[in-house]
Amino acid sequence: MSTEAPTTKFATFLKDKKLDARRIMAASHKLESLRPEDRTIRLAKRQNKKAEGDKKVADVRETRSGRPVTPRSIEAAVTGKSVSGPTKTRILRAVNAVLEQKKQEKVELRTLF
C-alpha cells in the first residue's frame, strides 16, 4: 500500500474505521470461497440448462463467486483507479463482514465508492 494521504472515499473510510486491507482480503476469501454445496448448485444449473434448453430455472439459489478480493483490486480502489461493479460488491461484503466483527454498523456501496 502506498504511504500517500488518502484521496478516495474508500481510502478515507479505511483510515477512519481503522481497517486493514489484509483483514478485508481474509474476510473476502472466507466469504467468497466455493464450498461443496455451491458446486452442486452449479452442477444442477448446468444440467437444467442442458435438459430444458433456454428456460430459466427459478428455484436454484445464487452461489458464491469463488473470486475473493485481491491485493490488486484493493490497491485500485484505494488509489482511485477503475474497479468493476462485481469487485466493488465483493469489497463491500468483505468490509461489512469486518465491521460486523468489530460490532459496528454495516455500510452501503455509496459510502465506500
N, C-alpha and C. Protein backbone atom coordinates (compact mmCIF):
# COMPACT_ATOMS: atom_id res chain seq x y z
N MET A 1 0.85 -1.17 0.00
CA MET A 1 0.00 0.00 0.00
C MET A 1 0.89 1.24 0.00
N SER A 2 0.43 2.28 -0.63
CA SER A 2 1.23 3.49 -0.70
C SER A 2 1.11 4.29 0.59
N THR A 3 2.09 5.15 0.82
CA THR A 3 2.12 5.94 2.04
C THR A 3 1.54 7.33 1.83
N GLU A 4 0.91 7.58 0.66
CA GLU A 4 0.32 8.87 0.37
C GLU A 4 -0.92 9.09 1.24
N ALA A 5 -1.32 10.34 1.33
CA ALA A 5 -2.54 10.67 2.08
C ALA A 5 -3.74 10.10 1.35
N PRO A 6 -4.77 9.64 2.07
CA PRO A 6 -5.94 9.08 1.41
C PRO A 6 -6.65 10.13 0.56
N THR A 7 -6.98 9.74 -0.66
CA THR A 7 -7.63 10.68 -1.57
C THR A 7 -9.02 10.23 -1.98
N THR A 8 -9.31 8.96 -1.92
CA THR A 8 -10.61 8.47 -2.35
C THR A 8 -11.50 8.24 -1.13
N LYS A 9 -12.80 8.08 -1.41
CA LYS A 9 -13.74 7.81 -0.32
C LYS A 9 -13.38 6.50 0.38
N PHE A 10 -12.97 5.50 -0.41
CA PHE A 10 -12.63 4.20 0.16
C PHE A 10 -11.41 4.31 1.07
N ALA A 11 -10.39 5.06 0.63
CA ALA A 11 -9.17 5.21 1.43
C ALA A 11 -9.45 5.94 2.74
N THR A 12 -10.26 7.00 2.68
CA THR A 12 -10.58 7.73 3.91
C THR A 12 -11.44 6.87 4.83
N PHE A 13 -12.32 6.05 4.25
CA PHE A 13 -13.15 5.17 5.07
C PHE A 13 -12.28 4.16 5.81
N LEU A 14 -11.31 3.55 5.11
CA LEU A 14 -10.41 2.59 5.75
C LEU A 14 -9.63 3.26 6.88
N LYS A 15 -9.18 4.48 6.64
CA LYS A 15 -8.40 5.18 7.66
C LYS A 15 -9.27 5.56 8.86
N ASP A 16 -10.49 6.06 8.60
CA ASP A 16 -11.38 6.47 9.69
C ASP A 16 -11.81 5.29 10.56
N LYS A 17 -12.12 4.17 9.92
CA LYS A 17 -12.59 2.99 10.66
C LYS A 17 -11.44 2.11 11.15
N LYS A 18 -10.21 2.47 10.78
CA LYS A 18 -9.01 1.73 11.17
C LYS A 18 -9.09 0.27 10.72
N LEU A 19 -9.40 0.10 9.43
CA LEU A 19 -9.48 -1.23 8.84
C LEU A 19 -8.21 -1.53 8.07
N ASP A 20 -7.75 -2.76 8.14
CA ASP A 20 -6.55 -3.18 7.44
C ASP A 20 -6.94 -3.92 6.17
N ALA A 21 -6.25 -3.64 5.08
CA ALA A 21 -6.56 -4.27 3.80
C ALA A 21 -6.37 -5.78 3.87
N ARG A 22 -5.38 -6.24 4.65
CA ARG A 22 -5.15 -7.69 4.76
C ARG A 22 -6.34 -8.37 5.43
N ARG A 23 -6.95 -7.70 6.39
CA ARG A 23 -8.11 -8.27 7.07
C ARG A 23 -9.31 -8.32 6.12
N ILE A 24 -9.43 -7.32 5.28
CA ILE A 24 -10.52 -7.31 4.29
C ILE A 24 -10.34 -8.44 3.30
N MET A 25 -9.10 -8.66 2.86
CA MET A 25 -8.83 -9.75 1.92
C MET A 25 -9.10 -11.11 2.55
N ALA A 26 -8.75 -11.27 3.83
CA ALA A 26 -9.01 -12.54 4.52
C ALA A 26 -10.51 -12.79 4.66
N ALA A 27 -11.25 -11.75 4.99
CA ALA A 27 -12.71 -11.88 5.13
C ALA A 27 -13.33 -12.22 3.78
N SER A 28 -12.84 -11.59 2.72
CA SER A 28 -13.37 -11.86 1.39
C SER A 28 -13.09 -13.29 0.97
N HIS A 29 -11.89 -13.78 1.28
CA HIS A 29 -11.55 -15.15 0.94
C HIS A 29 -12.49 -16.13 1.64
N LYS A 30 -12.79 -15.84 2.90
CA LYS A 30 -13.69 -16.71 3.66
C LYS A 30 -15.12 -16.65 3.10
N LEU A 31 -15.56 -15.46 2.71
CA LEU A 31 -16.93 -15.30 2.21
C LEU A 31 -17.12 -15.86 0.80
N GLU A 32 -16.14 -15.67 -0.06
CA GLU A 32 -16.31 -15.98 -1.47
C GLU A 32 -15.83 -17.37 -1.88
N SER A 33 -15.16 -18.08 -1.00
CA SER A 33 -14.65 -19.41 -1.37
C SER A 33 -15.79 -20.34 -1.72
N LEU A 34 -15.59 -21.11 -2.79
CA LEU A 34 -16.62 -22.07 -3.18
C LEU A 34 -16.63 -23.23 -2.20
N ARG A 35 -17.81 -23.66 -1.85
CA ARG A 35 -17.98 -24.79 -0.94
C ARG A 35 -18.66 -25.91 -1.72
N PRO A 36 -18.65 -27.13 -1.18
CA PRO A 36 -19.26 -28.25 -1.91
C PRO A 36 -20.71 -28.01 -2.30
N GLU A 37 -21.50 -27.35 -1.43
CA GLU A 37 -22.90 -27.11 -1.79
C GLU A 37 -23.01 -26.15 -2.97
N ASP A 38 -22.06 -25.20 -3.09
CA ASP A 38 -22.06 -24.30 -4.24
C ASP A 38 -21.77 -25.06 -5.53
N ARG A 39 -20.86 -25.99 -5.43
CA ARG A 39 -20.52 -26.77 -6.62
C ARG A 39 -21.70 -27.63 -7.07
N THR A 40 -22.45 -28.20 -6.12
CA THR A 40 -23.62 -29.00 -6.50
C THR A 40 -24.70 -28.12 -7.12
N ILE A 41 -24.85 -26.88 -6.61
CA ILE A 41 -25.83 -25.95 -7.18
C ILE A 41 -25.45 -25.60 -8.61
N ARG A 42 -24.17 -25.33 -8.83
CA ARG A 42 -23.71 -25.00 -10.19
C ARG A 42 -23.91 -26.18 -11.13
N LEU A 43 -23.67 -27.39 -10.64
CA LEU A 43 -23.88 -28.58 -11.45
C LEU A 43 -25.36 -28.71 -11.82
N ALA A 44 -26.24 -28.48 -10.84
CA ALA A 44 -27.67 -28.57 -11.11
C ALA A 44 -28.10 -27.52 -12.14
N LYS A 45 -27.53 -26.32 -12.05
CA LYS A 45 -27.85 -25.28 -13.03
C LYS A 45 -27.45 -25.71 -14.43
N ARG A 46 -26.24 -26.25 -14.55
CA ARG A 46 -25.77 -26.69 -15.87
C ARG A 46 -26.64 -27.81 -16.43
N GLN A 47 -26.98 -28.76 -15.57
CA GLN A 47 -27.79 -29.88 -16.03
C GLN A 47 -29.20 -29.43 -16.42
N ASN A 48 -29.79 -28.51 -15.67
CA ASN A 48 -31.11 -27.99 -16.01
C ASN A 48 -31.08 -27.21 -17.32
N LYS A 49 -29.99 -26.47 -17.54
CA LYS A 49 -29.86 -25.71 -18.78
C LYS A 49 -29.80 -26.65 -19.98
N LYS A 50 -29.05 -27.76 -19.84
CA LYS A 50 -28.95 -28.72 -20.93
C LYS A 50 -30.28 -29.43 -21.16
N ALA A 51 -30.95 -29.79 -20.08
CA ALA A 51 -32.17 -30.59 -20.19
C ALA A 51 -33.34 -29.78 -20.74
N GLU A 52 -33.45 -28.51 -20.34
CA GLU A 52 -34.64 -27.75 -20.70
C GLU A 52 -34.38 -26.68 -21.74
N GLY A 53 -33.23 -26.69 -22.36
CA GLY A 53 -32.94 -25.68 -23.37
C GLY A 53 -32.62 -24.34 -22.74
N ASP A 54 -33.33 -23.30 -23.17
CA ASP A 54 -33.05 -21.95 -22.70
C ASP A 54 -33.99 -21.49 -21.58
N LYS A 55 -34.79 -22.39 -21.03
CA LYS A 55 -35.70 -22.00 -19.95
C LYS A 55 -34.91 -21.69 -18.69
N LYS A 56 -35.36 -20.67 -17.98
CA LYS A 56 -34.71 -20.29 -16.72
C LYS A 56 -35.32 -21.10 -15.59
N VAL A 57 -34.46 -21.54 -14.67
CA VAL A 57 -34.93 -22.29 -13.51
C VAL A 57 -34.83 -21.35 -12.31
N ALA A 58 -35.97 -21.03 -11.71
CA ALA A 58 -36.01 -20.02 -10.64
C ALA A 58 -35.72 -20.61 -9.26
N ASP A 59 -35.81 -21.91 -9.09
CA ASP A 59 -35.67 -22.49 -7.76
C ASP A 59 -34.22 -22.68 -7.33
N VAL A 60 -33.26 -22.42 -8.21
CA VAL A 60 -31.85 -22.60 -7.85
C VAL A 60 -31.32 -21.27 -7.33
N ARG A 61 -30.73 -21.30 -6.11
CA ARG A 61 -30.26 -20.05 -5.50
C ARG A 61 -28.88 -19.68 -6.01
N GLU A 62 -28.47 -18.45 -5.74
CA GLU A 62 -27.16 -17.96 -6.18
C GLU A 62 -26.06 -18.62 -5.36
N THR A 63 -24.92 -18.81 -5.98
CA THR A 63 -23.77 -19.36 -5.28
C THR A 63 -22.77 -18.25 -5.01
N ARG A 64 -21.74 -18.58 -4.28
CA ARG A 64 -20.65 -17.63 -4.07
C ARG A 64 -19.89 -17.50 -5.38
N SER A 65 -19.16 -16.41 -5.51
CA SER A 65 -18.50 -16.16 -6.79
C SER A 65 -17.24 -17.00 -6.96
N GLY A 66 -16.59 -17.35 -5.86
CA GLY A 66 -15.35 -18.10 -5.96
C GLY A 66 -14.15 -17.21 -6.25
N ARG A 67 -14.38 -15.90 -6.27
CA ARG A 67 -13.32 -14.95 -6.58
C ARG A 67 -13.20 -13.94 -5.45
N PRO A 68 -12.27 -14.14 -4.53
CA PRO A 68 -12.12 -13.18 -3.43
C PRO A 68 -11.45 -11.89 -3.89
N VAL A 69 -11.48 -10.88 -3.04
CA VAL A 69 -10.82 -9.61 -3.31
C VAL A 69 -9.32 -9.82 -3.31
N THR A 70 -8.64 -9.24 -4.28
CA THR A 70 -7.19 -9.40 -4.40
C THR A 70 -6.49 -8.13 -3.93
N PRO A 71 -5.20 -8.23 -3.64
CA PRO A 71 -4.46 -7.01 -3.28
C PRO A 71 -4.49 -5.97 -4.40
N ARG A 72 -4.49 -6.43 -5.63
CA ARG A 72 -4.53 -5.51 -6.76
C ARG A 72 -5.84 -4.73 -6.80
N SER A 73 -6.95 -5.38 -6.52
CA SER A 73 -8.24 -4.69 -6.54
C SER A 73 -8.37 -3.72 -5.37
N ILE A 74 -7.83 -4.09 -4.21
CA ILE A 74 -7.84 -3.17 -3.06
C ILE A 74 -7.00 -1.94 -3.39
N GLU A 75 -5.83 -2.16 -3.97
CA GLU A 75 -4.94 -1.05 -4.32
C GLU A 75 -5.61 -0.13 -5.33
N ALA A 76 -6.30 -0.70 -6.31
CA ALA A 76 -7.00 0.11 -7.30
C ALA A 76 -8.11 0.93 -6.64
N ALA A 77 -8.82 0.34 -5.69
CA ALA A 77 -9.89 1.06 -5.01
C ALA A 77 -9.33 2.19 -4.14
N VAL A 78 -8.20 1.95 -3.50
CA VAL A 78 -7.59 2.96 -2.63
C VAL A 78 -7.05 4.13 -3.44
N THR A 79 -6.42 3.83 -4.57
CA THR A 79 -5.80 4.90 -5.37
C THR A 79 -6.78 5.60 -6.29
N GLY A 80 -7.96 5.06 -6.48
CA GLY A 80 -8.96 5.72 -7.31
C GLY A 80 -9.00 5.25 -8.74
N LYS A 81 -8.35 4.14 -9.04
CA LYS A 81 -8.41 3.59 -10.39
C LYS A 81 -9.78 2.93 -10.59
N SER A 82 -10.09 2.57 -11.82
CA SER A 82 -11.40 1.99 -12.10
C SER A 82 -11.49 0.57 -11.53
N VAL A 83 -12.61 0.30 -10.88
CA VAL A 83 -12.88 -1.00 -10.28
C VAL A 83 -14.24 -1.45 -10.80
N SER A 84 -14.34 -2.72 -11.23
CA SER A 84 -15.59 -3.20 -11.79
C SER A 84 -16.68 -3.30 -10.72
N GLY A 85 -17.91 -3.36 -11.17
CA GLY A 85 -19.04 -3.45 -10.25
C GLY A 85 -19.02 -4.67 -9.36
N PRO A 86 -18.79 -5.88 -9.93
CA PRO A 86 -18.73 -7.06 -9.08
C PRO A 86 -17.61 -7.00 -8.04
N THR A 87 -16.49 -6.38 -8.40
CA THR A 87 -15.38 -6.25 -7.45
C THR A 87 -15.77 -5.30 -6.33
N LYS A 88 -16.46 -4.22 -6.67
CA LYS A 88 -16.94 -3.30 -5.64
C LYS A 88 -17.87 -4.01 -4.66
N THR A 89 -18.73 -4.86 -5.20
CA THR A 89 -19.68 -5.59 -4.35
C THR A 89 -18.94 -6.56 -3.44
N ARG A 90 -17.91 -7.24 -3.96
CA ARG A 90 -17.14 -8.16 -3.13
C ARG A 90 -16.40 -7.40 -2.03
N ILE A 91 -15.85 -6.23 -2.37
CA ILE A 91 -15.18 -5.41 -1.36
C ILE A 91 -16.18 -4.98 -0.30
N LEU A 92 -17.36 -4.57 -0.71
CA LEU A 92 -18.40 -4.16 0.23
C LEU A 92 -18.77 -5.28 1.18
N ARG A 93 -18.97 -6.50 0.64
CA ARG A 93 -19.32 -7.63 1.51
C ARG A 93 -18.22 -7.92 2.52
N ALA A 94 -16.96 -7.84 2.07
CA ALA A 94 -15.84 -8.10 2.97
C ALA A 94 -15.73 -7.02 4.04
N VAL A 95 -15.89 -5.76 3.66
CA VAL A 95 -15.82 -4.65 4.63
C VAL A 95 -16.94 -4.79 5.65
N ASN A 96 -18.15 -5.13 5.19
CA ASN A 96 -19.26 -5.30 6.13
C ASN A 96 -19.02 -6.47 7.07
N ALA A 97 -18.38 -7.52 6.60
CA ALA A 97 -18.07 -8.66 7.48
C ALA A 97 -17.07 -8.24 8.56
N VAL A 98 -16.07 -7.45 8.19
CA VAL A 98 -15.08 -6.98 9.16
C VAL A 98 -15.73 -6.03 10.16
N LEU A 99 -16.60 -5.13 9.66
CA LEU A 99 -17.30 -4.21 10.55
C LEU A 99 -18.21 -4.94 11.51
N GLU A 100 -18.83 -6.01 11.04
CA GLU A 100 -19.70 -6.82 11.89
C GLU A 100 -18.90 -7.47 13.01
N GLN A 101 -17.68 -7.92 12.69
CA GLN A 101 -16.81 -8.50 13.72
C GLN A 101 -16.43 -7.45 14.76
N LYS A 102 -16.28 -6.20 14.32
CA LYS A 102 -15.91 -5.12 15.23
C LYS A 102 -17.14 -4.52 15.92
N LYS A 103 -18.32 -5.12 15.68
CA LYS A 103 -19.57 -4.67 16.25
C LYS A 103 -19.89 -3.22 15.87
N GLN A 104 -19.69 -2.91 14.59
CA GLN A 104 -20.01 -1.60 14.06
C GLN A 104 -21.10 -1.75 13.02
N GLU A 105 -21.69 -0.64 12.63
CA GLU A 105 -22.78 -0.63 11.66
C GLU A 105 -22.29 -0.99 10.26
N LYS A 106 -23.13 -1.72 9.52
CA LYS A 106 -22.81 -2.02 8.13
C LYS A 106 -22.95 -0.76 7.29
N VAL A 107 -22.25 -0.74 6.17
CA VAL A 107 -22.29 0.43 5.28
C VAL A 107 -22.86 0.04 3.93
N GLU A 108 -23.19 1.04 3.13
CA GLU A 108 -23.71 0.82 1.79
C GLU A 108 -22.61 1.07 0.77
N LEU A 109 -22.86 0.68 -0.44
CA LEU A 109 -21.87 0.82 -1.51
C LEU A 109 -21.54 2.29 -1.76
N ARG A 110 -22.53 3.15 -1.65
CA ARG A 110 -22.30 4.58 -1.89
C ARG A 110 -21.35 5.18 -0.85
N THR A 111 -21.29 4.60 0.32
CA THR A 111 -20.40 5.12 1.36
C THR A 111 -18.94 4.86 0.99
N LEU A 112 -18.69 3.73 0.33
CA LEU A 112 -17.32 3.35 0.01
C LEU A 112 -16.83 3.93 -1.32
N PHE A 113 -17.72 4.00 -2.30
CA PHE A 113 -17.28 4.40 -3.65
C PHE A 113 -18.06 5.58 -4.17
